[in-house]
Amino acid sequence: MANNKPAYEARIGKIRAAVWENHGEKGAWYNVTVTRSYLDGKDWKDTTSFRPGDLPAVRKLADQAHTWCLEKRNAE
């Protein structure tokens, strides 16, 4: 994660998928993070722990991130 901004980001409610672009000798590769935002007092925080009701959004966002990565790779 060379920079602090994802190459792609999608949200459904409090669930977020971010695709991070990395570069090396063999070209670009991608990592995906999926997080859930929650309010802790007055501060928003992120976790990688999900409730059962979050899982349909996690699945959909993971699929969207996967599609983005494939399209990006095919465009290169």
PDB file of N, CA and C in Angstrom:
ATOM      1  N   MET A   1       0.826  -1.170   0.000  1.00  0.00           N
ATOM      2  CA  MET A   1       0.000   0.000   0.000  1.00  0.00           C
ATOM      3  C   MET A   1       0.880   1.247   0.000  1.00  0.00           C
ATOM      4  N   ALA A   2       1.344   1.558  -1.171  1.00  0.00           N
ATOM      5  CA  ALA A   2       2.306   2.640  -1.302  1.00  0.00           C
ATOM      6  C   ALA A   2       1.707   4.001  -0.965  1.00  0.00           C
ATOM      7  N   ASN A   3       0.431   4.211  -1.289  1.00  0.00           N
ATOM      8  CA  ASN A   3      -0.181   5.482  -0.915  1.00  0.00           C
ATOM      9  C   ASN A   3      -1.362   5.206   0.009  1.00  0.00           C
ATOM     10  N   ASN A   4      -1.987   6.251   0.478  1.00  0.00           N
ATOM     11  CA  ASN A   4      -3.053   6.091   1.460  1.00  0.00           C
ATOM     12  C   ASN A   4      -4.435   6.124   0.843  1.00  0.00           C
ATOM     13  N   LYS A   5      -4.536   6.137  -0.480  1.00  0.00           N
ATOM     14  CA  LYS A   5      -5.825   6.177  -1.143  1.00  0.00           C
ATOM     15  C   LYS A   5      -6.012   4.907  -1.966  1.00  0.00           C
ATOM     16  N   PRO A   6      -7.142   4.218  -1.778  1.00  0.00           N
ATOM     17  CA  PRO A   6      -7.347   2.996  -2.561  1.00  0.00           C
ATOM     18  C   PRO A   6      -7.555   3.304  -4.041  1.00  0.00           C
ATOM     19  N   ALA A   7      -7.199   2.355  -4.872  1.00  0.00           N
ATOM     20  CA  ALA A   7      -7.423   2.488  -6.309  1.00  0.00           C
ATOM     21  C   ALA A   7      -8.905   2.332  -6.632  1.00  0.00           C
ATOM     22  N   TYR A   8      -9.630   1.608  -5.784  1.00  0.00           N
ATOM     23  CA  TYR A   8     -11.068   1.390  -5.955  1.00  0.00           C
ATOM     24  C   TYR A   8     -11.683   1.256  -4.569  1.00  0.00           C
ATOM     25  N   GLU A   9     -12.881   1.768  -4.429  1.00  0.00           N
ATOM     26  CA  GLU A   9     -13.577   1.671  -3.145  1.00  0.00           C
ATOM     27  C   GLU A   9     -15.075   1.572  -3.406  1.00  0.00           C
ATOM     28  N   ALA A  10     -15.742   0.715  -2.642  1.00  0.00           N
ATOM     29  CA  ALA A  10     -17.193   0.589  -2.726  1.00  0.00           C
ATOM     30  C   ALA A  10     -17.738   0.379  -1.322  1.00  0.00           C
ATOM     31  N   ARG A  11     -18.957   0.869  -1.106  1.00  0.00           N
ATOM     32  CA  ARG A  11     -19.598   0.751   0.210  1.00  0.00           C
ATOM     33  C   ARG A  11     -21.033   0.279   0.060  1.00  0.00           C
ATOM     34  N   ILE A  12     -21.447  -0.476   1.042  1.00  0.00           N
ATOM     35  CA  ILE A  12     -22.850  -0.800   1.254  1.00  0.00           C
ATOM     36  C   ILE A  12     -23.076  -0.581   2.741  1.00  0.00           C
ATOM     37  N   GLY A  13     -23.815   0.451   3.069  1.00  0.00           N
ATOM     38  CA  GLY A  13     -24.033   0.781   4.474  1.00  0.00           C
ATOM     39  C   GLY A  13     -22.707   1.041   5.169  1.00  0.00           C
ATOM     40  N   LYS A  14     -22.453   0.309   6.247  1.00  0.00           N
ATOM     41  CA  LYS A  14     -21.223   0.490   7.020  1.00  0.00           C
ATOM     42  C   LYS A  14     -20.094  -0.437   6.576  1.00  0.00           C
ATOM     43  N   ILE A  15     -20.345  -1.232   5.530  1.00  0.00           N
ATOM     44  CA  ILE A  15     -19.330  -2.164   5.025  1.00  0.00           C
ATOM     45  C   ILE A  15     -18.617  -1.509   3.846  1.00  0.00           C
ATOM     46  N   ARG A  16     -17.284  -1.632   3.828  1.00  0.00           N
ATOM     47  CA  ARG A  16     -16.454  -1.007   2.794  1.00  0.00           C
ATOM     48  C   ARG A  16     -15.443  -2.002   2.266  1.00  0.00           C
ATOM     49  N   ALA A  17     -15.317  -2.045   0.945  1.00  0.00           N
ATOM     50  CA  ALA A  17     -14.246  -2.808   0.305  1.00  0.00           C
ATOM     51  C   ALA A  17     -13.318  -1.817  -0.379  1.00  0.00           C
ATOM     52  N   ALA A  18     -12.030  -1.984  -0.180  1.00  0.00           N
ATOM     53  CA  ALA A  18     -11.034  -1.113  -0.802  1.00  0.00           C
ATOM     54  C   ALA A  18      -9.997  -1.981  -1.508  1.00  0.00           C
ATOM     55  N   VAL A  19      -9.653  -1.593  -2.716  1.00  0.00           N
ATOM     56  CA  VAL A  19      -8.614  -2.283  -3.479  1.00  0.00           C
ATOM     57  C   VAL A  19      -7.384  -1.397  -3.492  1.00  0.00           C
ATOM     58  N   TRP A  20      -6.280  -1.988  -3.078  1.00  0.00           N
ATOM     59  CA  TRP A  20      -5.008  -1.257  -2.997  1.00  0.00           C
ATOM     60  C   TRP A  20      -4.092  -1.749  -4.107  1.00  0.00           C
ATOM     61  N   GLU A  21      -3.575  -0.809  -4.890  1.00  0.00           N
ATOM     62  CA  GLU A  21      -2.683  -1.140  -5.993  1.00  0.00           C
ATOM     63  C   GLU A  21      -1.237  -1.067  -5.527  1.00  0.00           C
ATOM     64  N   ASN A  22      -0.490  -2.104  -5.859  1.00  0.00           N
ATOM     65  CA  ASN A  22       0.932  -2.184  -5.530  1.00  0.00           C
ATOM     66  C   ASN A  22       1.710  -2.389  -6.821  1.00  0.00           C
ATOM     67  N   HIS A  23       2.981  -2.001  -6.826  1.00  0.00           N
ATOM     68  CA  HIS A  23       3.804  -2.137  -8.024  1.00  0.00           C
ATOM     69  C   HIS A  23       5.116  -2.822  -7.666  1.00  0.00           C
ATOM     70  N   GLY A  24       5.561  -3.657  -8.575  1.00  0.00           N
ATOM     71  CA  GLY A  24       6.834  -4.347  -8.405  1.00  0.00           C
ATOM     72  C   GLY A  24       7.474  -4.593  -9.752  1.00  0.00           C
ATOM     73  N   GLU A  25       8.512  -5.390  -9.754  1.00  0.00           N
ATOM     74  CA  GLU A  25       9.253  -5.680 -10.987  1.00  0.00           C
ATOM     75  C   GLU A  25       8.378  -6.319 -12.052  1.00  0.00           C
ATOM     76  N   LYS A  26       7.392  -7.109 -11.634  1.00  0.00           N
ATOM     77  CA  LYS A  26       6.525  -7.816 -12.581  1.00  0.00           C
ATOM     78  C   LYS A  26       5.238  -7.058 -12.872  1.00  0.00           C
ATOM     79  N   GLY A  27       5.157  -5.811 -12.440  1.00  0.00           N
ATOM     80  CA  GLY A  27       3.974  -5.004 -12.717  1.00  0.00           C
ATOM     81  C   GLY A  27       3.112  -4.804 -11.481  1.00  0.00           C
ATOM     82  N   ALA A  28       1.866  -4.479 -11.732  1.00  0.00           N
ATOM     83  CA  ALA A  28       0.937  -4.166 -10.638  1.00  0.00           C
ATOM     84  C   ALA A  28       0.280  -5.426 -10.089  1.00  0.00           C
ATOM     85  N   TRP A  29      -0.035  -5.378  -8.794  1.00  0.00           N
ATOM     86  CA  TRP A  29      -0.866  -6.397  -8.172  1.00  0.00           C
ATOM     87  C   TRP A  29      -1.758  -5.698  -7.165  1.00  0.00           C
ATOM     88  N   TYR A  30      -2.794  -6.397  -6.729  1.00  0.00           N
ATOM     89  CA  TYR A  30      -3.824  -5.762  -5.920  1.00  0.00           C
ATOM     90  C   TYR A  30      -4.104  -6.559  -4.654  1.00  0.00           C
ATOM     91  N   ASN A  31      -4.391  -5.821  -3.583  1.00  0.00           N
ATOM     92  CA  ASN A  31      -4.851  -6.407  -2.327  1.00  0.00           C
ATOM     93  C   ASN A  31      -6.198  -5.768  -1.998  1.00  0.00           C
ATOM     94  N   VAL A  32      -7.067  -6.535  -1.378  1.00  0.00           N
ATOM     95  CA  VAL A  32      -8.395  -6.051  -1.033  1.00  0.00           C
ATOM     96  C   VAL A  32      -8.582  -6.114   0.478  1.00  0.00           C
ATOM     97  N   THR A  33      -9.112  -5.041   1.041  1.00  0.00           N
ATOM     98  CA  THR A  33      -9.498  -5.038   2.450  1.00  0.00           C
ATOM     99  C   THR A  33     -10.996  -4.811   2.532  1.00  0.00           C
ATOM    100  N   VAL A  34     -11.633  -5.505   3.466  1.00  0.00           N
ATOM    101  CA  VAL A  34     -13.058  -5.322   3.723  1.00  0.00           C
ATOM    102  C   VAL A  34     -13.189  -4.989   5.206  1.00  0.00           C
ATOM    103  N   THR A  35     -13.876  -3.897   5.503  1.00  0.00           N
ATOM    104  CA  THR A  35     -14.021  -3.449   6.885  1.00  0.00           C
ATOM    105  C   THR A  35     -15.466  -3.038   7.169  1.00  0.00           C
ATOM    106  N   ARG A  36     -15.792  -3.004   8.450  1.00  0.00           N
ATOM    107  CA  ARG A  36     -17.088  -2.504   8.914  1.00  0.00           C
ATOM    108  C   ARG A  36     -16.824  -1.329   9.836  1.00  0.00           C
ATOM    109  N   SER A  37     -17.487  -0.211   9.576  1.00  0.00           N
ATOM    110  CA  SER A  37     -17.356   0.969  10.433  1.00  0.00           C
ATOM    111  C   SER A  37     -18.330   0.861  11.594  1.00  0.00           C
ATOM    112  N   TYR A  38     -17.923   1.362  12.752  1.00  0.00           N
ATOM    113  CA  TYR A  38     -18.806   1.391  13.918  1.00  0.00           C
ATOM    114  C   TYR A  38     -18.458   2.609  14.761  1.00  0.00           C
ATOM    115  N   LEU A  39     -19.425   3.040  15.519  1.00  0.00           N
ATOM    116  CA  LEU A  39     -19.266   4.216  16.366  1.00  0.00           C
ATOM    117  C   LEU A  39     -18.870   3.765  17.771  1.00  0.00           C
ATOM    118  N   ASP A  40     -17.740   4.268  18.246  1.00  0.00           N
ATOM    119  CA  ASP A  40     -17.243   3.984  19.593  1.00  0.00           C
ATOM    120  C   ASP A  40     -17.270   5.303  20.357  1.00  0.00           C
ATOM    121  N   GLY A  41     -18.355   5.536  21.086  1.00  0.00           N
ATOM    122  CA  GLY A  41     -18.526   6.839  21.718  1.00  0.00           C
ATOM    123  C   GLY A  41     -18.779   7.871  20.649  1.00  0.00           C
ATOM    124  N   LYS A  42     -17.859   8.817  20.494  1.00  0.00           N
ATOM    125  CA  LYS A  42     -17.971   9.849  19.456  1.00  0.00           C
ATOM    126  C   LYS A  42     -17.058   9.585  18.267  1.00  0.00           C
ATOM    127  N   ASP A  43     -16.272   8.513  18.314  1.00  0.00           N
ATOM    128  CA  ASP A  43     -15.282   8.226  17.284  1.00  0.00           C
ATOM    129  C   ASP A  43     -15.722   7.071  16.389  1.00  0.00           C
ATOM    130  N   TRP A  44     -15.555   7.262  15.070  1.00  0.00           N
ATOM    131  CA  TRP A  44     -15.779   6.180  14.123  1.00  0.00           C
ATOM    132  C   TRP A  44     -14.516   5.334  14.026  1.00  0.00           C
ATOM    133  N   LYS A  45     -14.687   4.025  14.074  1.00  0.00           N
ATOM    134  CA  LYS A  45     -13.576   3.082  13.965  1.00  0.00           C
ATOM    135  C   LYS A  45     -13.935   2.022  12.936  1.00  0.00           C
ATOM    136  N   ASP A  46     -12.938   1.243  12.528  1.00  0.00           N
ATOM    137  CA  ASP A  46     -13.143   0.145  11.584  1.00  0.00           C
ATOM    138  C   ASP A  46     -12.743  -1.166  12.223  1.00  0.00           C
ATOM    139  N   THR A  47     -13.428  -2.229  11.810  1.00  0.00           N
ATOM    140  CA  THR A  47     -13.098  -3.575  12.263  1.00  0.00           C
ATOM    141  C   THR A  47     -13.168  -4.531  11.077  1.00  0.00           C
ATOM    142  N   THR A  48     -12.502  -5.650  11.196  1.00  0.00           N
ATOM    143  CA  THR A  48     -12.594  -6.701  10.186  1.00  0.00           C
ATOM    144  C   THR A  48     -13.449  -7.848  10.699  1.00  0.00           C
ATOM    145  N   SER A  49     -14.202  -7.592  11.742  1.00  0.00           N
ATOM    146  CA  SER A  49     -15.134  -8.560  12.303  1.00  0.00           C
ATOM    147  C   SER A  49     -16.537  -8.187  11.831  1.00  0.00           C
ATOM    148  N   PHE A  50     -17.298  -9.186  11.400  1.00  0.00           N
ATOM    149  CA  PHE A  50     -18.606  -8.926  10.817  1.00  0.00           C
ATOM    150  C   PHE A  50     -19.695  -9.712  11.539  1.00  0.00           C
ATOM    151  N   ARG A  51     -20.881  -9.114  11.570  1.00  0.00           N
ATOM    152  CA  ARG A  51     -22.068  -9.777  12.104  1.00  0.00           C
ATOM    153  C   ARG A  51     -22.671 -10.635  10.997  1.00  0.00           C
ATOM    154  N   PRO A  52     -23.436 -11.648  11.352  1.00  0.00           N
ATOM    155  CA  PRO A  52     -24.056 -12.468  10.308  1.00  0.00           C
ATOM    156  C   PRO A  52     -24.862 -11.642   9.300  1.00  0.00           C
ATOM    157  N   GLY A  53     -25.540 -10.609   9.758  1.00  0.00           N
ATOM    158  CA  GLY A  53     -26.315  -9.767   8.850  1.00  0.00           C
ATOM    159  C   GLY A  53     -25.471  -8.940   7.902  1.00  0.00           C
ATOM    160  N   ASP A  54     -24.165  -8.799   8.196  1.00  0.00           N
ATOM    161  CA  ASP A  54     -23.249  -8.057   7.326  1.00  0.00           C
ATOM    162  C   ASP A  54     -22.781  -8.892   6.136  1.00  0.00           C
ATOM    163  N   LEU A  55     -22.881 -10.197   6.244  1.00  0.00           N
ATOM    164  CA  LEU A  55     -22.242 -11.083   5.269  1.00  0.00           C
ATOM    165  C   LEU A  55     -22.772 -10.949   3.836  1.00  0.00           C
ATOM    166  N   PRO A  56     -24.069 -10.703   3.606  1.00  0.00           N
ATOM    167  CA  PRO A  56     -24.477 -10.476   2.215  1.00  0.00           C
ATOM    168  C   PRO A  56     -23.777  -9.260   1.595  1.00  0.00           C
ATOM    169  N   ALA A  57     -23.603  -8.184   2.358  1.00  0.00           N
ATOM    170  CA  ALA A  57     -22.889  -7.005   1.844  1.00  0.00           C
ATOM    171  C   ALA A  57     -21.415  -7.324   1.628  1.00  0.00           C
ATOM    172  N   VAL A  58     -20.800  -8.074   2.541  1.00  0.00           N
ATOM    173  CA  VAL A  58     -19.394  -8.471   2.384  1.00  0.00           C
ATOM    174  C   VAL A  58     -19.234  -9.268   1.091  1.00  0.00           C
ATOM    175  N   ARG A  59     -20.132 -10.222   0.867  1.00  0.00           N
ATOM    176  CA  ARG A  59     -20.062 -11.055  -0.337  1.00  0.00           C
ATOM    177  C   ARG A  59     -20.197 -10.206  -1.594  1.00  0.00           C
ATOM    178  N   LYS A  60     -21.170  -9.302  -1.607  1.00  0.00           N
ATOM    179  CA  LYS A  60     -21.398  -8.470  -2.788  1.00  0.00           C
ATOM    180  C   LYS A  60     -20.211  -7.547  -3.050  1.00  0.00           C
ATOM    181  N   LEU A  61     -19.678  -6.931  -2.010  1.00  0.00           N
ATOM    182  CA  LEU A  61     -18.537  -6.031  -2.176  1.00  0.00           C
ATOM    183  C   LEU A  61     -17.283  -6.785  -2.594  1.00  0.00           C
ATOM    184  N   ALA A  62     -17.091  -7.982  -2.062  1.00  0.00           N
ATOM    185  CA  ALA A  62     -15.938  -8.795  -2.472  1.00  0.00           C
ATOM    186  C   ALA A  62     -16.043  -9.142  -3.955  1.00  0.00           C
ATOM    187  N   ASP A  63     -17.253  -9.455  -4.412  1.00  0.00           N
ATOM    188  CA  ASP A  63     -17.468  -9.748  -5.827  1.00  0.00           C
ATOM    189  C   ASP A  63     -17.192  -8.516  -6.683  1.00  0.00           C
ATOM    190  N   GLN A  64     -17.654  -7.351  -6.251  1.00  0.00           N
ATOM    191  CA  GLN A  64     -17.405  -6.114  -6.996  1.00  0.00           C
ATOM    192  C   GLN A  64     -15.904  -5.801  -7.062  1.00  0.00           C
ATOM    193  N   ALA A  65     -15.207  -5.994  -5.953  1.00  0.00           N
ATOM    194  CA  ALA A  65     -13.757  -5.745  -5.928  1.00  0.00           C
ATOM    195  C   ALA A  65     -13.040  -6.726  -6.853  1.00  0.00           C
ATOM    196  N   HIS A  66     -13.471  -7.980  -6.849  1.00  0.00           N
ATOM    197  CA  HIS A  66     -12.875  -8.997  -7.719  1.00  0.00           C
ATOM    198  C   HIS A  66     -13.079  -8.629  -9.185  1.00  0.00           C
ATOM    199  N   THR A  67     -14.286  -8.214  -9.537  1.00  0.00           N
ATOM    200  CA  THR A  67     -14.582  -7.800 -10.911  1.00  0.00           C
ATOM    201  C   THR A  67     -13.718  -6.617 -11.308  1.00  0.00           C
ATOM    202  N   TRP A  68     -13.571  -5.638 -10.417  1.00  0.00           N
ATOM    203  CA  TRP A  68     -12.740  -4.467 -10.715  1.00  0.00           C
ATOM    204  C   TRP A  68     -11.297  -4.895 -10.986  1.00  0.00           C
ATOM    205  N   CYS A  69     -10.780  -5.779 -10.150  1.00  0.00           N
ATOM    206  CA  CYS A  69      -9.385  -6.237 -10.328  1.00  0.00           C
ATOM    207  C   CYS A  69      -9.209  -6.950 -11.656  1.00  0.00           C
ATOM    208  N   LEU A  70     -10.159  -7.808 -12.021  1.00  0.00           N
ATOM    209  CA  LEU A  70     -10.058  -8.515 -13.299  1.00  0.00           C
ATOM    210  C   LEU A  70     -10.127  -7.555 -14.474  1.00  0.00           C
ATOM    211  N   GLU A  71     -11.030  -6.590 -14.411  1.00  0.00           N
ATOM    212  CA  GLU A  71     -11.134  -5.613 -15.491  1.00  0.00           C
ATOM    213  C   GLU A  71      -9.875  -4.753 -15.598  1.00  0.00           C
ATOM    214  N   LYS A  72      -9.330  -4.377 -14.474  1.00  0.00           N
ATOM    215  CA  LYS A  72      -8.098  -3.577 -14.456  1.00  0.00           C
ATOM    216  C   LYS A  72      -6.944  -4.375 -15.065  1.00  0.00           C
ATOM    217  N   ARG A  73      -6.823  -5.639 -14.664  1.00  0.00           N
ATOM    218  CA  ARG A  73      -5.748  -6.480 -15.186  1.00  0.00           C
ATOM    219  C   ARG A  73      -5.909  -6.715 -16.676  1.00  0.00           C
ATOM    220  N   ASN A  74      -7.151  -6.937 -17.141  1.00  0.00           N
ATOM    221  CA  ASN A  74      -7.391  -7.155 -18.556  1.00  0.00           C
ATOM    222  C   ASN A  74      -7.130  -5.905 -19.385  1.00  0.00           C
ATOM    223  N   ALA A  75      -7.307  -4.725 -18.779  1.00  0.00           N
ATOM    224  CA  ALA A  75      -7.060  -3.470 -19.487  1.00  0.00           C
ATOM    225  C   ALA A  75      -5.557  -3.215 -19.667  1.00  0.00           C
ATOM    226  N   GLU A  76      -4.754  -3.814 -18.809  1.00  0.00           N
ATOM    227  CA  GLU A  76      -3.295  -3.617 -18.880  1.00  0.00           C
ATOM    228  C   GLU A  76      -2.779  -4.478 -19.959  1.00  0.00           C
TER     229      GLU A  76
END
